[in-house]
Amino acid sequence: MEDNDVERKSITELIAHADIEITSVATGTAALAALHDQAFDCAVLDLRLPDMSGFTLLEHIQSDPTLRDLPIVVFTGKDLSAEEETQLRSMAKSIIIKGVQSPDRLLDETALFLHRVITDLPPAKQKMLEKLHQSDETLQGRTVLVVDDDVRNIFALSSVLQRHGMEVLTAGTGADAISILETTPNVAMTLMDIMMPGMDGYQTMQIIRQNPNHRLLPILALTAKAMKGDREKCLDAGASDYIAKPVNTDQLLSLMRVWLHR
């Protein structure tokens, strides 16, 4: 969804390969028509459209129960105010500001939402993603809180995150997690296990979100159950996103890059 012909063509060329089908449109009206005409796995949206703003289009999509779960990547050159960014984060999966590294991130994040196998992509695109992941400036030096009552899960996740240059704090209960967040202002993200004894992940997230300082804290819910309705329950409780256990570490790291790249 991009009104600039050159930009639309370059985005298509960046993402295109034999494993996906791409539909491109230039207006919000055409986008809504296409979305109602067939099922899509991911959408890329420019905020500046000739017939309606990207915000208006997102509101239309959010108000439609058949479309609201569609992963949307906002790819924009517009300088966003804090209020606009907050509004977008409630409606879109990812926001990418156009710049030097933005094509790499656009390829990376659409690959995540389309469940693409990176090794199946052309060598040039594989190299682009390898370079992006090796630098991993998005993750390095950031502090993440891992909340899980199973020490084996905490150890496994901590090992992966520390290898990517992250500082890891751990909590074995929801109460411990809340206490750590209240006393540690630099936590950039929380990984929240759902099935914990006593206060479960749903209750813990609801309490965390009651603090205005933690309204925008990225929280990824980790749950052993991948049943229909779980994702909605996690999001309703305050999760930013959701990943099923056993955790695929590549998918987890990709999701973390999406939510930490601000």
C-alpha atoms as a PDB file:
ATOM      1  CA  MET A   1       0.000   0.000   0.000  1.00  0.00           C
ATOM      2  CA  GLU A   2       2.155   2.803  -1.379  1.00  0.00           C
ATOM      3  CA  ASP A   3       1.170   5.637  -3.719  1.00  0.00           C
ATOM      4  CA  ASN A   4       4.689   6.270  -5.119  1.00  0.00           C
ATOM      5  CA  ASP A   5       5.186   4.012  -8.175  1.00  0.00           C
ATOM      6  CA  VAL A   6       8.999   3.843  -7.839  1.00  0.00           C
ATOM      7  CA  GLU A   7       8.840   3.128  -4.098  1.00  0.00           C
ATOM      8  CA  ARG A   8       6.150   0.497  -4.603  1.00  0.00           C
ATOM      9  CA  LYS A   9       8.245  -1.250  -7.266  1.00  0.00           C
ATOM     10  CA  SER A  10      11.397  -1.218  -5.086  1.00  0.00           C
ATOM     11  CA  ILE A  11       9.507  -2.705  -2.099  1.00  0.00           C
ATOM     12  CA  THR A  12       8.089  -5.426  -4.352  1.00  0.00           C
ATOM     13  CA  GLU A  13      11.556  -6.259  -5.720  1.00  0.00           C
ATOM     14  CA  LEU A  14      13.029  -6.335  -2.206  1.00  0.00           C
ATOM     15  CA  ILE A  15      10.473  -8.816  -0.858  1.00  0.00           C
ATOM     16  CA  ALA A  16       9.706 -10.819  -4.025  1.00  0.00           C
ATOM     17  CA  HIS A  17      10.688 -14.465  -4.473  1.00  0.00           C
ATOM     18  CA  ALA A  18       9.035 -17.675  -5.656  1.00  0.00           C
ATOM     19  CA  ASP A  19       7.772 -18.519  -2.138  1.00  0.00           C
ATOM     20  CA  ILE A  20       5.288 -15.611  -1.894  1.00  0.00           C
ATOM     21  CA  GLU A  21       2.684 -13.792  -3.985  1.00  0.00           C
ATOM     22  CA  ILE A  22       2.595  -9.988  -3.850  1.00  0.00           C
ATOM     23  CA  THR A  23      -0.304  -7.633  -4.551  1.00  0.00           C
ATOM     24  CA  SER A  24       0.470  -3.912  -4.678  1.00  0.00           C
ATOM     25  CA  VAL A  25      -2.016  -1.030  -4.570  1.00  0.00           C
ATOM     26  CA  ALA A  26      -1.723   2.777  -4.579  1.00  0.00           C
ATOM     27  CA  THR A  27      -4.736   3.868  -2.500  1.00  0.00           C
ATOM     28  CA  GLY A  28      -6.472   3.040   0.766  1.00  0.00           C
ATOM     29  CA  THR A  29      -9.713   2.250  -1.068  1.00  0.00           C
ATOM     30  CA  ALA A  30      -7.940  -0.253  -3.325  1.00  0.00           C
ATOM     31  CA  ALA A  31      -6.216  -1.747  -0.273  1.00  0.00           C
ATOM     32  CA  LEU A  32      -9.522  -2.361   1.531  1.00  0.00           C
ATOM     33  CA  ALA A  33     -11.020  -3.873  -1.616  1.00  0.00           C
ATOM     34  CA  ALA A  34      -8.038  -6.227  -2.011  1.00  0.00           C
ATOM     35  CA  LEU A  35      -8.114  -7.199   1.683  1.00  0.00           C
ATOM     36  CA  HIS A  36     -11.798  -8.139   1.421  1.00  0.00           C
ATOM     37  CA  ASP A  37     -11.255  -9.944  -1.880  1.00  0.00           C
ATOM     38  CA  GLN A  38      -8.571 -12.414  -0.707  1.00  0.00           C
ATOM     39  CA  ALA A  39      -6.640 -13.528   2.380  1.00  0.00           C
ATOM     40  CA  PHE A  40      -3.199 -12.024   3.014  1.00  0.00           C
ATOM     41  CA  ASP A  41      -0.506 -13.115   5.499  1.00  0.00           C
ATOM     42  CA  CYS A  42       1.152  -9.688   5.877  1.00  0.00           C
ATOM     43  CA  ALA A  43       0.745  -6.097   4.646  1.00  0.00           C
ATOM     44  CA  VAL A  44       3.235  -3.245   4.163  1.00  0.00           C
ATOM     45  CA  LEU A  45       1.703   0.223   4.525  1.00  0.00           C
ATOM     46  CA  ASP A  46       2.911   3.726   3.715  1.00  0.00           C
ATOM     47  CA  LEU A  47       1.141   6.362   5.843  1.00  0.00           C
ATOM     48  CA  ARG A  48       0.823   8.901   3.025  1.00  0.00           C
ATOM     49  CA  LEU A  49      -1.910   7.732   0.647  1.00  0.00           C
ATOM     50  CA  PRO A  50      -3.794  10.010  -1.785  1.00  0.00           C
ATOM     51  CA  ASP A  51      -7.362   9.184  -0.700  1.00  0.00           C
ATOM     52  CA  MET A  52      -7.045   8.583   3.077  1.00  0.00           C
ATOM     53  CA  SER A  53      -4.339   8.652   5.725  1.00  0.00           C
ATOM     54  CA  GLY A  54      -2.625   5.441   6.770  1.00  0.00           C
ATOM     55  CA  PHE A  55      -4.108   6.010  10.244  1.00  0.00           C
ATOM     56  CA  THR A  56      -7.631   5.999   8.792  1.00  0.00           C
ATOM     57  CA  LEU A  57      -6.901   2.846   6.798  1.00  0.00           C
ATOM     58  CA  LEU A  58      -5.558   1.131   9.933  1.00  0.00           C
ATOM     59  CA  GLU A  59      -8.717   2.123  11.830  1.00  0.00           C
ATOM     60  CA  HIS A  60     -10.852   0.531   9.084  1.00  0.00           C
ATOM     61  CA  ILE A  61      -8.759  -2.650   9.297  1.00  0.00           C
ATOM     62  CA  GLN A  62      -8.908  -2.735  13.117  1.00  0.00           C
ATOM     63  CA  SER A  63     -12.699  -2.337  13.118  1.00  0.00           C
ATOM     64  CA  ASP A  64     -13.122  -5.411  10.896  1.00  0.00           C
ATOM     65  CA  PRO A  65     -12.945  -8.688  12.917  1.00  0.00           C
ATOM     66  CA  THR A  66     -11.830 -10.596   9.797  1.00  0.00           C
ATOM     67  CA  LEU A  67      -8.824  -8.278   9.261  1.00  0.00           C
ATOM     68  CA  ARG A  68      -7.680  -7.099  12.699  1.00  0.00           C
ATOM     69  CA  ASP A  69      -5.164  -9.965  13.203  1.00  0.00           C
ATOM     70  CA  LEU A  70      -3.380  -9.241   9.912  1.00  0.00           C
ATOM     71  CA  PRO A  71       0.308  -8.396  10.638  1.00  0.00           C
ATOM     72  CA  ILE A  72       0.931  -4.899   9.262  1.00  0.00           C
ATOM     73  CA  VAL A  73       4.365  -3.319   8.825  1.00  0.00           C
ATOM     74  CA  VAL A  74       4.183   0.479   8.600  1.00  0.00           C
ATOM     75  CA  PHE A  75       7.002   1.630   6.284  1.00  0.00           C
ATOM     76  CA  THR A  76       7.087   5.405   6.383  1.00  0.00           C
ATOM     77  CA  GLY A  77       9.288   8.440   5.828  1.00  0.00           C
ATOM     78  CA  LYS A  78       7.043  10.559   8.056  1.00  0.00           C
ATOM     79  CA  ASP A  79       8.451  11.924  11.326  1.00  0.00           C
ATOM     80  CA  LEU A  80       6.132  10.527  13.979  1.00  0.00           C
ATOM     81  CA  SER A  81       5.109  12.366  17.126  1.00  0.00           C
ATOM     82  CA  ALA A  82       5.073  10.353  20.381  1.00  0.00           C
ATOM     83  CA  GLU A  83       1.270  10.333  20.205  1.00  0.00           C
ATOM     84  CA  GLU A  84       1.269   9.057  16.599  1.00  0.00           C
ATOM     85  CA  GLU A  85       3.808   6.334  17.445  1.00  0.00           C
ATOM     86  CA  THR A  86       1.694   5.174  20.410  1.00  0.00           C
ATOM     87  CA  GLN A  87      -1.396   5.091  18.186  1.00  0.00           C
ATOM     88  CA  LEU A  88       0.419   3.130  15.469  1.00  0.00           C
ATOM     89  CA  ARG A  89       1.895   0.595  17.894  1.00  0.00           C
ATOM     90  CA  SER A  90      -1.613  -0.291  19.034  1.00  0.00           C
ATOM     91  CA  MET A  91      -2.673  -1.027  15.434  1.00  0.00           C
ATOM     92  CA  ALA A  92       0.421  -2.266  13.561  1.00  0.00           C
ATOM     93  CA  LYS A  93       2.963  -5.017  14.206  1.00  0.00           C
ATOM     94  CA  SER A  94       5.986  -2.927  13.305  1.00  0.00           C
ATOM     95  CA  ILE A  95       7.039   0.608  12.374  1.00  0.00           C
ATOM     96  CA  ILE A  96      10.032   1.162  10.093  1.00  0.00           C
ATOM     97  CA  ILE A  97      11.206   4.714   9.372  1.00  0.00           C
ATOM     98  CA  LYS A  98      12.708   4.911   5.877  1.00  0.00           C
ATOM     99  CA  GLY A  99      16.467   5.328   6.040  1.00  0.00           C
ATOM    100  CA  VAL A 100      19.819   3.666   5.383  1.00  0.00           C
ATOM    101  CA  GLN A 101      19.068   0.319   7.039  1.00  0.00           C
ATOM    102  CA  SER A 102      15.326   0.285   6.472  1.00  0.00           C
ATOM    103  CA  PRO A 103      15.253  -2.088   3.428  1.00  0.00           C
ATOM    104  CA  ASP A 104      17.143  -4.725   5.455  1.00  0.00           C
ATOM    105  CA  ARG A 105      14.657  -4.396   8.334  1.00  0.00           C
ATOM    106  CA  LEU A 106      11.669  -4.474   5.983  1.00  0.00           C
ATOM    107  CA  LEU A 107      12.918  -7.745   4.457  1.00  0.00           C
ATOM    108  CA  ASP A 108      13.635  -9.147   7.928  1.00  0.00           C
ATOM    109  CA  GLU A 109      10.288  -8.274   9.468  1.00  0.00           C
ATOM    110  CA  THR A 110       8.116  -9.327   6.524  1.00  0.00           C
ATOM    111  CA  ALA A 111      10.095 -12.617   6.492  1.00  0.00           C
ATOM    112  CA  LEU A 112       9.120 -13.108  10.141  1.00  0.00           C
ATOM    113  CA  PHE A 113       5.405 -12.495   9.592  1.00  0.00           C
ATOM    114  CA  LEU A 114       5.340 -14.566   6.385  1.00  0.00           C
ATOM    115  CA  HIS A 115       7.165 -17.463   8.122  1.00  0.00           C
ATOM    116  CA  ARG A 116       9.770 -17.503   5.357  1.00  0.00           C
ATOM    117  CA  VAL A 117      12.688 -19.933   5.474  1.00  0.00           C
ATOM    118  CA  ILE A 118      15.712 -17.615   5.141  1.00  0.00           C
ATOM    119  CA  THR A 119      17.916 -20.309   3.543  1.00  0.00           C
ATOM    120  CA  ASP A 120      15.381 -20.545   0.674  1.00  0.00           C
ATOM    121  CA  LEU A 121      15.907 -16.873  -0.259  1.00  0.00           C
ATOM    122  CA  PRO A 122      18.378 -15.741  -2.964  1.00  0.00           C
ATOM    123  CA  PRO A 123      22.015 -15.456  -1.736  1.00  0.00           C
ATOM    124  CA  ALA A 124      22.021 -11.628  -1.880  1.00  0.00           C
ATOM    125  CA  LYS A 125      18.969 -11.402   0.378  1.00  0.00           C
ATOM    126  CA  GLN A 126      20.374 -14.033   2.754  1.00  0.00           C
ATOM    127  CA  LYS A 127      23.583 -11.979   3.016  1.00  0.00           C
ATOM    128  CA  MET A 128      21.590  -8.817   3.727  1.00  0.00           C
ATOM    129  CA  LEU A 129      19.817 -10.497   6.650  1.00  0.00           C
ATOM    130  CA  GLU A 130      23.000 -12.158   7.976  1.00  0.00           C
ATOM    131  CA  LYS A 131      24.716  -8.761   8.094  1.00  0.00           C
ATOM    132  CA  LEU A 132      21.716  -7.207   9.875  1.00  0.00           C
ATOM    133  CA  HIS A 133      21.623  -9.989  12.480  1.00  0.00           C
ATOM    134  CA  GLN A 134      25.378 -10.046  13.071  1.00  0.00           C
ATOM    135  CA  SER A 135      25.441  -6.359  13.936  1.00  0.00           C
ATOM    136  CA  ASP A 136      22.340  -6.777  16.143  1.00  0.00           C
ATOM    137  CA  GLU A 137      22.642  -3.257  17.540  1.00  0.00           C
ATOM    138  CA  THR A 138      18.931  -3.500  18.368  1.00  0.00           C
ATOM    139  CA  LEU A 139      19.599  -6.143  21.035  1.00  0.00           C
ATOM    140  CA  GLN A 140      23.099  -5.353  22.307  1.00  0.00           C
ATOM    141  CA  GLY A 141      23.286  -3.788  25.745  1.00  0.00           C
ATOM    142  CA  ARG A 142      19.505  -3.873  26.272  1.00  0.00           C
ATOM    143  CA  THR A 143      18.106  -5.271  29.531  1.00  0.00           C
ATOM    144  CA  VAL A 144      15.436  -7.972  29.300  1.00  0.00           C
ATOM    145  CA  LEU A 145      13.437  -9.508  32.161  1.00  0.00           C
ATOM    146  CA  VAL A 146      12.709 -13.245  31.767  1.00  0.00           C
ATOM    147  CA  VAL A 147       9.771 -14.433  33.905  1.00  0.00           C
ATOM    148  CA  ASP A 148       9.343 -18.215  34.237  1.00  0.00           C
ATOM    149  CA  ASP A 149       8.872 -20.608  37.155  1.00  0.00           C
ATOM    150  CA  ASP A 150      11.028 -23.304  35.469  1.00  0.00           C
ATOM    151  CA  VAL A 151      14.771 -22.661  35.998  1.00  0.00           C
ATOM    152  CA  ARG A 152      15.600 -24.769  32.913  1.00  0.00           C
ATOM    153  CA  ASN A 153      13.599 -22.419  30.692  1.00  0.00           C
ATOM    154  CA  ILE A 154      15.212 -19.388  32.336  1.00  0.00           C
ATOM    155  CA  PHE A 155      18.689 -20.848  31.764  1.00  0.00           C
ATOM    156  CA  ALA A 156      17.993 -21.704  28.108  1.00  0.00           C
ATOM    157  CA  LEU A 157      16.539 -18.273  27.284  1.00  0.00           C
ATOM    158  CA  SER A 158      19.201 -16.389  29.260  1.00  0.00           C
ATOM    159  CA  SER A 159      21.997 -18.217  27.414  1.00  0.00           C
ATOM    160  CA  VAL A 160      20.583 -17.266  24.004  1.00  0.00           C
ATOM    161  CA  LEU A 161      19.991 -13.622  24.965  1.00  0.00           C
ATOM    162  CA  GLN A 162      23.394 -13.165  26.597  1.00  0.00           C
ATOM    163  CA  ARG A 163      25.088 -14.494  23.445  1.00  0.00           C
ATOM    164  CA  HIS A 164      23.427 -11.600  21.613  1.00  0.00           C
ATOM    165  CA  GLY A 165      24.863  -9.052  24.052  1.00  0.00           C
ATOM    166  CA  MET A 166      21.789  -8.574  26.226  1.00  0.00           C
ATOM    167  CA  GLU A 167      21.670  -8.065  29.989  1.00  0.00           C
ATOM    168  CA  VAL A 168      19.250 -10.607  31.503  1.00  0.00           C
ATOM    169  CA  LEU A 169      17.248 -10.260  34.721  1.00  0.00           C
ATOM    170  CA  THR A 170      15.159 -13.217  35.899  1.00  0.00           C
ATOM    171  CA  ALA A 171      12.050 -13.741  38.019  1.00  0.00           C
ATOM    172  CA  GLY A 172      10.466 -17.027  39.117  1.00  0.00           C
ATOM    173  CA  THR A 173       7.060 -15.562  40.010  1.00  0.00           C
ATOM    174  CA  GLY A 174       4.726 -12.804  38.839  1.00  0.00           C
ATOM    175  CA  ALA A 175       5.196 -10.944  42.125  1.00  0.00           C
ATOM    176  CA  ASP A 176       9.000 -10.977  41.667  1.00  0.00           C
ATOM    177  CA  ALA A 177       8.605  -9.673  38.116  1.00  0.00           C
ATOM    178  CA  ILE A 178       6.427  -6.750  39.257  1.00  0.00           C
ATOM    179  CA  SER A 179       8.913  -5.921  42.033  1.00  0.00           C
ATOM    180  CA  ILE A 180      11.881  -5.950  39.617  1.00  0.00           C
ATOM    181  CA  LEU A 181      10.075  -3.661  37.139  1.00  0.00           C
ATOM    182  CA  GLU A 182       9.160  -1.221  39.912  1.00  0.00           C
ATOM    183  CA  THR A 183      12.808  -0.932  41.021  1.00  0.00           C
ATOM    184  CA  THR A 184      14.651  -1.275  37.677  1.00  0.00           C
ATOM    185  CA  PRO A 185      13.886   1.600  35.280  1.00  0.00           C
ATOM    186  CA  ASN A 186      16.051   0.411  32.367  1.00  0.00           C
ATOM    187  CA  VAL A 187      14.226  -2.847  31.494  1.00  0.00           C
ATOM    188  CA  ALA A 188      13.661  -2.683  27.721  1.00  0.00           C
ATOM    189  CA  MET A 189      11.500  -5.802  27.357  1.00  0.00           C
ATOM    190  CA  THR A 190       9.854  -8.597  29.359  1.00  0.00           C
ATOM    191  CA  LEU A 191       9.454 -12.231  28.294  1.00  0.00           C
ATOM    192  CA  MET A 192       6.463 -13.517  30.269  1.00  0.00           C
ATOM    193  CA  ASP A 193       5.644 -17.184  30.798  1.00  0.00           C
ATOM    194  CA  ILE A 194       1.872 -17.607  31.031  1.00  0.00           C
ATOM    195  CA  MET A 195       1.463 -20.864  32.935  1.00  0.00           C
ATOM    196  CA  MET A 196       2.899 -20.067  36.374  1.00  0.00           C
ATOM    197  CA  PRO A 197       1.516 -21.249  39.730  1.00  0.00           C
ATOM    198  CA  GLY A 198      -0.174 -18.639  41.908  1.00  0.00           C
ATOM    199  CA  MET A 199      -0.240 -15.422  39.918  1.00  0.00           C
ATOM    200  CA  ASP A 200      -0.167 -16.469  36.254  1.00  0.00           C
ATOM    201  CA  GLY A 201       1.203 -14.462  33.344  1.00  0.00           C
ATOM    202  CA  TYR A 202      -2.189 -12.968  32.451  1.00  0.00           C
ATOM    203  CA  GLN A 203      -2.657 -11.504  35.956  1.00  0.00           C
ATOM    204  CA  THR A 204       0.975 -10.356  36.110  1.00  0.00           C
ATOM    205  CA  MET A 205       0.708  -8.476  32.795  1.00  0.00           C
ATOM    206  CA  GLN A 206      -2.558  -6.805  33.854  1.00  0.00           C
ATOM    207  CA  ILE A 207      -0.890  -5.472  37.019  1.00  0.00           C
ATOM    208  CA  ILE A 208       2.231  -4.343  35.095  1.00  0.00           C
ATOM    209  CA  ARG A 209       0.071  -2.379  32.624  1.00  0.00           C
ATOM    210  CA  GLN A 210      -1.663  -0.514  35.461  1.00  0.00           C
ATOM    211  CA  ASN A 211       1.578   1.433  35.980  1.00  0.00           C
ATOM    212  CA  PRO A 212       1.677   4.314  33.424  1.00  0.00           C
ATOM    213  CA  ASN A 213       5.486   3.947  33.208  1.00  0.00           C
ATOM    214  CA  HIS A 214       5.023   0.449  31.789  1.00  0.00           C
ATOM    215  CA  ARG A 215       2.251   1.209  29.320  1.00  0.00           C
ATOM    216  CA  LEU A 216       4.627   0.939  26.332  1.00  0.00           C
ATOM    217  CA  LEU A 217       6.980  -1.722  27.764  1.00  0.00           C
ATOM    218  CA  PRO A 218       7.207  -4.525  25.155  1.00  0.00           C
ATOM    219  CA  ILE A 219       5.957  -7.758  26.756  1.00  0.00           C
ATOM    220  CA  LEU A 220       6.214 -11.018  24.806  1.00  0.00           C
ATOM    221  CA  ALA A 221       3.968 -13.755  26.194  1.00  0.00           C
ATOM    222  CA  LEU A 222       5.386 -17.302  26.144  1.00  0.00           C
ATOM    223  CA  THR A 223       2.810 -20.058  26.404  1.00  0.00           C
ATOM    224  CA  ALA A 224       2.936 -23.835  26.081  1.00  0.00           C
ATOM    225  CA  LYS A 225      -0.606 -23.814  24.744  1.00  0.00           C
ATOM    226  CA  ALA A 226      -1.037 -22.781  21.136  1.00  0.00           C
ATOM    227  CA  MET A 227      -4.806 -23.059  21.199  1.00  0.00           C
ATOM    228  CA  LYS A 228      -7.194 -20.821  19.288  1.00  0.00           C
ATOM    229  CA  GLY A 229      -8.046 -17.771  21.372  1.00  0.00           C
ATOM    230  CA  ASP A 230      -4.773 -17.821  23.340  1.00  0.00           C
ATOM    231  CA  ARG A 231      -3.280 -14.979  21.317  1.00  0.00           C
ATOM    232  CA  GLU A 232      -6.336 -12.779  21.904  1.00  0.00           C
ATOM    233  CA  LYS A 233      -6.303 -13.627  25.621  1.00  0.00           C
ATOM    234  CA  CYS A 234      -2.609 -12.681  25.859  1.00  0.00           C
ATOM    235  CA  LEU A 235      -3.123  -9.378  23.997  1.00  0.00           C
ATOM    236  CA  ASP A 236      -6.200  -8.525  26.071  1.00  0.00           C
ATOM    237  CA  ALA A 237      -4.149  -9.072  29.258  1.00  0.00           C
ATOM    238  CA  GLY A 238      -1.502  -6.608  28.059  1.00  0.00           C
ATOM    239  CA  ALA A 239       0.978  -8.592  25.950  1.00  0.00           C
ATOM    240  CA  SER A 240       2.560  -6.806  22.986  1.00  0.00           C
ATOM    241  CA  ASP A 241       2.940 -10.112  21.148  1.00  0.00           C
ATOM    242  CA  TYR A 242       2.815 -13.853  21.633  1.00  0.00           C
ATOM    243  CA  ILE A 243       5.045 -16.870  20.922  1.00  0.00           C
ATOM    244  CA  ALA A 244       4.283 -20.546  21.615  1.00  0.00           C
ATOM    245  CA  LYS A 245       6.596 -22.857  23.549  1.00  0.00           C
ATOM    246  CA  PRO A 246       8.849 -24.651  22.915  1.00  0.00           C
ATOM    247  CA  VAL A 247      10.322 -21.346  21.773  1.00  0.00           C
ATOM    248  CA  ASN A 248      11.946 -21.168  18.337  1.00  0.00           C
ATOM    249  CA  THR A 249      14.926 -18.930  19.181  1.00  0.00           C
ATOM    250  CA  ASP A 250      15.235 -17.435  15.667  1.00  0.00           C
ATOM    251  CA  GLN A 251      11.571 -16.436  15.746  1.00  0.00           C
ATOM    252  CA  LEU A 252      11.942 -15.075  19.279  1.00  0.00           C
ATOM    253  CA  LEU A 253      14.975 -12.947  18.330  1.00  0.00           C
ATOM    254  CA  SER A 254      13.161 -11.627  15.247  1.00  0.00           C
ATOM    255  CA  LEU A 255      10.150 -10.652  17.364  1.00  0.00           C
ATOM    256  CA  MET A 256      12.447  -8.986  19.902  1.00  0.00           C
ATOM    257  CA  ARG A 257      14.130  -6.973  17.137  1.00  0.00           C
ATOM    258  CA  VAL A 258      10.711  -5.813  15.930  1.00  0.00           C
ATOM    259  CA  TRP A 259       9.623  -4.608  19.370  1.00  0.00           C
ATOM    260  CA  LEU A 260      12.972  -3.149  20.479  1.00  0.00           C
ATOM    261  CA  HIS A 261      13.706  -1.199  17.276  1.00  0.00           C
ATOM    262  CA  ARG A 262      12.372   2.229  18.239  1.00  0.00           C
END
